[in-house]
Amino acid sequence: DLRGQRLLAKNEAAIGNFTAAYQAQMRVIELMGPAVDATALTDYAEMLISAAGGLVSSRAEDALRRALQIDPQNGVARYNIGLMLSQINRPDQAFAVWQQLVMEGPADASWIEPIQLHLKDMVSGLAERLALEGGSPEEWARMIGALCVLRDEQRASSVYNTALVTFAGYPAAIEVIRTHARQAGLIP
């Protein structure tokens, strides 16, 4: 029955048997039929992700997207979509998803700490590349936004000032940087 399958899926996940967990959770989804909810789908996706060692598979992505169709504000699904985007080398899109999640909160949400850890990696790689090779105004703006999400306003301010100097004489680039800095709360 449905309650037994839910219990089986949770227990298998709790002991680290994620393959059996996602198989049981898949049965939960089947039993729920058209009444399936976003939580059942995100639980399934997270079990798939855990079974794959942290990789967001296409099956997990499908479950996450279905969950977001049911509940577009589902934080777990949005976090994992961001994770998938970072894994397919789209840190710009992952950042946009994660920045919005952090800004919306709540501060104690389960996804806040993992987002901050991922952003620290994103920031260090982007900072190194911007310092060595430069980058587009959007990349500088993303760096500023990431630092604000990480609550490193001092460093964000420094990057902002460097970007203004770098793009002096390019009003469109300056506007992109200022707009993002304003959205991140760095400037009024």
C-alpha atoms as a PDB file:
ATOM      1  CA  ASP A   1       0.000   0.000   0.000  1.00  0.00           C
ATOM      2  CA  LEU A   2       0.959   3.653  -0.339  1.00  0.00           C
ATOM      3  CA  ARG A   3       1.883   4.201   3.308  1.00  0.00           C
ATOM      4  CA  GLY A   4       4.034   1.074   3.355  1.00  0.00           C
ATOM      5  CA  GLN A   5       5.852   2.080   0.175  1.00  0.00           C
ATOM      6  CA  ARG A   6       6.548   5.550   1.604  1.00  0.00           C
ATOM      7  CA  LEU A   7       7.942   4.008   4.756  1.00  0.00           C
ATOM      8  CA  LEU A   8      10.046   1.556   2.754  1.00  0.00           C
ATOM      9  CA  ALA A   9      11.486   4.339   0.583  1.00  0.00           C
ATOM     10  CA  LYS A  10      12.372   6.505   3.602  1.00  0.00           C
ATOM     11  CA  ASN A  11      13.928   3.609   5.499  1.00  0.00           C
ATOM     12  CA  GLU A  12      16.007   2.474   2.530  1.00  0.00           C
ATOM     13  CA  ALA A  13      17.235   6.054   2.058  1.00  0.00           C
ATOM     14  CA  ALA A  14      18.001   6.368   5.770  1.00  0.00           C
ATOM     15  CA  ILE A  15      20.319   3.365   5.669  1.00  0.00           C
ATOM     16  CA  GLY A  16      21.979   4.543   2.461  1.00  0.00           C
ATOM     17  CA  ASN A  17      20.445   1.996   0.115  1.00  0.00           C
ATOM     18  CA  PHE A  18      19.469   4.617  -2.449  1.00  0.00           C
ATOM     19  CA  THR A  19      18.781   2.240  -5.325  1.00  0.00           C
ATOM     20  CA  ALA A  20      16.142   0.397  -3.310  1.00  0.00           C
ATOM     21  CA  ALA A  21      14.919   3.764  -1.984  1.00  0.00           C
ATOM     22  CA  TYR A  22      14.283   5.290  -5.393  1.00  0.00           C
ATOM     23  CA  GLN A  23      12.661   2.055  -6.609  1.00  0.00           C
ATOM     24  CA  ALA A  24      10.276   2.146  -3.657  1.00  0.00           C
ATOM     25  CA  GLN A  25       9.659   5.869  -4.196  1.00  0.00           C
ATOM     26  CA  MET A  26       8.918   5.225  -7.876  1.00  0.00           C
ATOM     27  CA  ARG A  27       6.215   2.815  -6.680  1.00  0.00           C
ATOM     28  CA  VAL A  28       4.874   5.559  -4.365  1.00  0.00           C
ATOM     29  CA  ILE A  29       4.520   7.832  -7.393  1.00  0.00           C
ATOM     30  CA  GLU A  30       2.771   5.096  -9.369  1.00  0.00           C
ATOM     31  CA  LEU A  31       0.343   4.466  -6.505  1.00  0.00           C
ATOM     32  CA  MET A  32      -0.418   8.169  -6.150  1.00  0.00           C
ATOM     33  CA  GLY A  33      -1.273   8.378  -9.853  1.00  0.00           C
ATOM     34  CA  PRO A  34      -2.641  11.752 -10.936  1.00  0.00           C
ATOM     35  CA  ALA A  35      -2.663  12.893  -7.294  1.00  0.00           C
ATOM     36  CA  VAL A  36       1.147  12.801  -7.137  1.00  0.00           C
ATOM     37  CA  ASP A  37       2.540  15.818  -5.336  1.00  0.00           C
ATOM     38  CA  ALA A  38       5.768  17.795  -5.667  1.00  0.00           C
ATOM     39  CA  THR A  39       7.211  16.295  -2.482  1.00  0.00           C
ATOM     40  CA  ALA A  40       6.898  12.728  -3.772  1.00  0.00           C
ATOM     41  CA  LEU A  41       8.633  13.741  -6.986  1.00  0.00           C
ATOM     42  CA  THR A  42      11.446  15.660  -5.281  1.00  0.00           C
ATOM     43  CA  ASP A  43      11.999  12.784  -2.858  1.00  0.00           C
ATOM     44  CA  TYR A  44      12.315  10.458  -5.845  1.00  0.00           C
ATOM     45  CA  ALA A  45      14.730  12.826  -7.592  1.00  0.00           C
ATOM     46  CA  GLU A  46      16.898  13.191  -4.491  1.00  0.00           C
ATOM     47  CA  MET A  47      17.067   9.416  -4.094  1.00  0.00           C
ATOM     48  CA  LEU A  48      18.128   9.097  -7.737  1.00  0.00           C
ATOM     49  CA  ILE A  49      20.750  11.809  -7.231  1.00  0.00           C
ATOM     50  CA  SER A  50      22.083  10.094  -4.110  1.00  0.00           C
ATOM     51  CA  ALA A  51      22.212   6.741  -5.905  1.00  0.00           C
ATOM     52  CA  ALA A  52      24.229   8.399  -8.696  1.00  0.00           C
ATOM     53  CA  GLY A  53      26.762   9.840  -6.276  1.00  0.00           C
ATOM     54  CA  GLY A  54      25.408  13.390  -6.499  1.00  0.00           C
ATOM     55  CA  LEU A  55      24.877  13.577 -10.251  1.00  0.00           C
ATOM     56  CA  VAL A  56      21.509  14.783 -11.525  1.00  0.00           C
ATOM     57  CA  SER A  57      20.467  12.197 -14.102  1.00  0.00           C
ATOM     58  CA  SER A  58      17.895  12.789 -16.814  1.00  0.00           C
ATOM     59  CA  ARG A  59      15.348  10.790 -14.778  1.00  0.00           C
ATOM     60  CA  ALA A  60      16.012  12.999 -11.769  1.00  0.00           C
ATOM     61  CA  GLU A  61      15.721  16.113 -13.931  1.00  0.00           C
ATOM     62  CA  ASP A  62      12.380  14.895 -15.305  1.00  0.00           C
ATOM     63  CA  ALA A  63      11.065  14.331 -11.779  1.00  0.00           C
ATOM     64  CA  LEU A  64      12.293  17.771 -10.687  1.00  0.00           C
ATOM     65  CA  ARG A  65      10.652  19.473 -13.650  1.00  0.00           C
ATOM     66  CA  ARG A  66       7.378  17.648 -12.948  1.00  0.00           C
ATOM     67  CA  ALA A  67       7.613  18.774  -9.319  1.00  0.00           C
ATOM     68  CA  LEU A  68       8.093  22.371 -10.466  1.00  0.00           C
ATOM     69  CA  GLN A  69       5.038  22.128 -12.707  1.00  0.00           C
ATOM     70  CA  ILE A  70       3.032  21.215  -9.619  1.00  0.00           C
ATOM     71  CA  ASP A  71       4.778  23.661  -7.278  1.00  0.00           C
ATOM     72  CA  PRO A  72       6.943  26.286  -9.023  1.00  0.00           C
ATOM     73  CA  GLN A  73       8.227  27.516  -5.636  1.00  0.00           C
ATOM     74  CA  ASN A  74       9.522  24.118  -4.486  1.00  0.00           C
ATOM     75  CA  GLY A  75      12.937  24.956  -3.046  1.00  0.00           C
ATOM     76  CA  VAL A  76      14.329  21.416  -3.144  1.00  0.00           C
ATOM     77  CA  ALA A  77      13.474  21.038  -6.826  1.00  0.00           C
ATOM     78  CA  ARG A  78      14.874  24.474  -7.670  1.00  0.00           C
ATOM     79  CA  TYR A  79      18.105  23.773  -5.764  1.00  0.00           C
ATOM     80  CA  ASN A  80      18.587  20.491  -7.643  1.00  0.00           C
ATOM     81  CA  ILE A  81      17.829  22.105 -11.011  1.00  0.00           C
ATOM     82  CA  GLY A  82      20.614  24.555 -10.156  1.00  0.00           C
ATOM     83  CA  LEU A  83      22.860  21.613  -9.284  1.00  0.00           C
ATOM     84  CA  MET A  84      22.097  20.015 -12.637  1.00  0.00           C
ATOM     85  CA  LEU A  85      22.881  23.280 -14.421  1.00  0.00           C
ATOM     86  CA  SER A  86      26.224  23.519 -12.650  1.00  0.00           C
ATOM     87  CA  GLN A  87      27.004  19.931 -13.656  1.00  0.00           C
ATOM     88  CA  ILE A  88      26.354  20.614 -17.338  1.00  0.00           C
ATOM     89  CA  ASN A  89      28.751  23.564 -17.216  1.00  0.00           C
ATOM     90  CA  ARG A  90      26.108  26.303 -17.000  1.00  0.00           C
ATOM     91  CA  PRO A  91      27.210  28.063 -13.813  1.00  0.00           C
ATOM     92  CA  ASP A  92      25.572  31.276 -15.032  1.00  0.00           C
ATOM     93  CA  GLN A  93      22.134  29.650 -15.061  1.00  0.00           C
ATOM     94  CA  ALA A  94      22.807  27.742 -11.823  1.00  0.00           C
ATOM     95  CA  PHE A  95      23.796  30.999 -10.167  1.00  0.00           C
ATOM     96  CA  ALA A  96      20.559  32.693 -11.265  1.00  0.00           C
ATOM     97  CA  VAL A  97      18.478  29.866  -9.778  1.00  0.00           C
ATOM     98  CA  TRP A  98      20.480  29.718  -6.550  1.00  0.00           C
ATOM     99  CA  GLN A  99      20.686  33.467  -6.077  1.00  0.00           C
ATOM    100  CA  GLN A 100      16.906  33.700  -6.218  1.00  0.00           C
ATOM    101  CA  LEU A 101      16.544  30.833  -3.727  1.00  0.00           C
ATOM    102  CA  VAL A 102      18.936  32.439  -1.244  1.00  0.00           C
ATOM    103  CA  MET A 103      17.236  35.811  -1.585  1.00  0.00           C
ATOM    104  CA  GLU A 104      13.807  34.268  -0.975  1.00  0.00           C
ATOM    105  CA  GLY A 105      15.020  32.273   2.030  1.00  0.00           C
ATOM    106  CA  PRO A 106      14.188  31.239   4.594  1.00  0.00           C
ATOM    107  CA  ALA A 107      17.666  31.526   6.078  1.00  0.00           C
ATOM    108  CA  ASP A 108      17.420  28.074   7.671  1.00  0.00           C
ATOM    109  CA  ALA A 109      16.254  26.271   4.515  1.00  0.00           C
ATOM    110  CA  SER A 110      18.065  23.011   3.873  1.00  0.00           C
ATOM    111  CA  TRP A 111      19.408  24.222   0.528  1.00  0.00           C
ATOM    112  CA  ILE A 112      21.066  27.448   1.737  1.00  0.00           C
ATOM    113  CA  GLU A 113      24.306  25.881   3.014  1.00  0.00           C
ATOM    114  CA  PRO A 114      24.866  23.665  -0.067  1.00  0.00           C
ATOM    115  CA  ILE A 115      24.212  26.660  -2.321  1.00  0.00           C
ATOM    116  CA  GLN A 116      26.786  28.714  -0.446  1.00  0.00           C
ATOM    117  CA  LEU A 117      29.335  25.907  -0.764  1.00  0.00           C
ATOM    118  CA  HIS A 118      28.723  25.623  -4.510  1.00  0.00           C
ATOM    119  CA  LEU A 119      28.884  29.388  -4.924  1.00  0.00           C
ATOM    120  CA  LYS A 120      32.233  29.536  -3.129  1.00  0.00           C
ATOM    121  CA  ASP A 121      33.623  27.110  -5.730  1.00  0.00           C
ATOM    122  CA  MET A 122      31.952  29.099  -8.544  1.00  0.00           C
ATOM    123  CA  VAL A 123      33.332  32.385  -7.142  1.00  0.00           C
ATOM    124  CA  SER A 124      36.895  31.134  -6.811  1.00  0.00           C
ATOM    125  CA  GLY A 125      36.986  29.804 -10.368  1.00  0.00           C
ATOM    126  CA  LEU A 126      35.339  32.891 -11.817  1.00  0.00           C
ATOM    127  CA  ALA A 127      37.544  35.265  -9.794  1.00  0.00           C
ATOM    128  CA  GLU A 128      40.667  33.533 -11.040  1.00  0.00           C
ATOM    129  CA  ARG A 129      39.513  33.649 -14.643  1.00  0.00           C
ATOM    130  CA  LEU A 130      38.431  37.301 -14.451  1.00  0.00           C
ATOM    131  CA  ALA A 131      41.789  38.243 -12.927  1.00  0.00           C
ATOM    132  CA  LEU A 132      43.774  36.400 -15.606  1.00  0.00           C
ATOM    133  CA  GLU A 133      41.651  36.777 -18.722  1.00  0.00           C
ATOM    134  CA  GLY A 134      38.996  39.371 -17.987  1.00  0.00           C
ATOM    135  CA  GLY A 135      35.415  38.694 -18.901  1.00  0.00           C
ATOM    136  CA  SER A 136      32.115  40.095 -20.086  1.00  0.00           C
ATOM    137  CA  PRO A 137      30.130  42.642 -18.060  1.00  0.00           C
ATOM    138  CA  GLU A 138      27.655  39.852 -17.289  1.00  0.00           C
ATOM    139  CA  GLU A 139      30.424  37.713 -15.786  1.00  0.00           C
ATOM    140  CA  TRP A 140      31.616  40.599 -13.624  1.00  0.00           C
ATOM    141  CA  ALA A 141      28.019  41.212 -12.579  1.00  0.00           C
ATOM    142  CA  ARG A 142      27.572  37.512 -11.743  1.00  0.00           C
ATOM    143  CA  MET A 143      30.711  37.655  -9.603  1.00  0.00           C
ATOM    144  CA  ILE A 144      29.349  40.667  -7.714  1.00  0.00           C
ATOM    145  CA  GLY A 145      26.010  38.936  -7.225  1.00  0.00           C
ATOM    146  CA  ALA A 146      27.639  35.718  -5.999  1.00  0.00           C
ATOM    147  CA  LEU A 147      29.730  37.601  -3.464  1.00  0.00           C
ATOM    148  CA  CYS A 148      26.612  39.379  -2.208  1.00  0.00           C
ATOM    149  CA  VAL A 149      24.807  36.047  -1.848  1.00  0.00           C
ATOM    150  CA  LEU A 150      27.814  34.819   0.138  1.00  0.00           C
ATOM    151  CA  ARG A 151      27.473  37.987   2.232  1.00  0.00           C
ATOM    152  CA  ASP A 152      30.987  39.137   1.311  1.00  0.00           C
ATOM    153  CA  GLU A 153      29.994  42.742   0.606  1.00  0.00           C
ATOM    154  CA  GLN A 154      33.526  44.066   1.056  1.00  0.00           C
ATOM    155  CA  ARG A 155      34.901  41.845  -1.695  1.00  0.00           C
ATOM    156  CA  ALA A 156      31.779  42.478  -3.818  1.00  0.00           C
ATOM    157  CA  SER A 157      32.387  46.215  -3.510  1.00  0.00           C
ATOM    158  CA  SER A 158      36.013  45.765  -4.546  1.00  0.00           C
ATOM    159  CA  VAL A 159      35.011  43.693  -7.593  1.00  0.00           C
ATOM    160  CA  TYR A 160      32.332  46.274  -8.442  1.00  0.00           C
ATOM    161  CA  ASN A 161      34.880  49.107  -8.364  1.00  0.00           C
ATOM    162  CA  THR A 162      37.338  47.099 -10.461  1.00  0.00           C
ATOM    163  CA  ALA A 163      34.598  46.363 -12.999  1.00  0.00           C
ATOM    164  CA  LEU A 164      33.728  50.054 -13.237  1.00  0.00           C
ATOM    165  CA  VAL A 165      37.361  50.874 -13.978  1.00  0.00           C
ATOM    166  CA  THR A 166      37.685  47.951 -16.411  1.00  0.00           C
ATOM    167  CA  PHE A 167      34.650  49.056 -18.422  1.00  0.00           C
ATOM    168  CA  ALA A 168      35.165  52.825 -18.168  1.00  0.00           C
ATOM    169  CA  GLY A 169      34.118  54.315 -21.479  1.00  0.00           C
ATOM    170  CA  TYR A 170      31.589  51.547 -22.165  1.00  0.00           C
ATOM    171  CA  PRO A 171      28.270  52.913 -20.834  1.00  0.00           C
ATOM    172  CA  ALA A 172      26.239  49.818 -21.756  1.00  0.00           C
ATOM    173  CA  ALA A 173      28.656  47.570 -19.851  1.00  0.00           C
ATOM    174  CA  ILE A 174      28.641  49.911 -16.844  1.00  0.00           C
ATOM    175  CA  GLU A 175      24.827  49.831 -16.838  1.00  0.00           C
ATOM    176  CA  VAL A 176      24.793  46.000 -16.810  1.00  0.00           C
ATOM    177  CA  ILE A 177      27.185  45.981 -13.861  1.00  0.00           C
ATOM    178  CA  ARG A 178      25.279  48.685 -11.951  1.00  0.00           C
ATOM    179  CA  THR A 179      21.925  46.998 -12.564  1.00  0.00           C
ATOM    180  CA  HIS A 180      23.167  43.686 -11.187  1.00  0.00           C
ATOM    181  CA  ALA A 181      24.893  45.366  -8.238  1.00  0.00           C
ATOM    182  CA  ARG A 182      21.621  47.160  -7.460  1.00  0.00           C
ATOM    183  CA  GLN A 183      19.627  43.904  -7.715  1.00  0.00           C
ATOM    184  CA  ALA A 184      22.132  42.204  -5.400  1.00  0.00           C
ATOM    185  CA  GLY A 185      21.684  45.011  -2.864  1.00  0.00           C
ATOM    186  CA  LEU A 186      25.265  46.239  -3.122  1.00  0.00           C
ATOM    187  CA  ILE A 187      24.343  49.754  -4.247  1.00  0.00           C
ATOM    188  CA  PRO A 188      21.140  51.792  -3.896  1.00  0.00           C
END
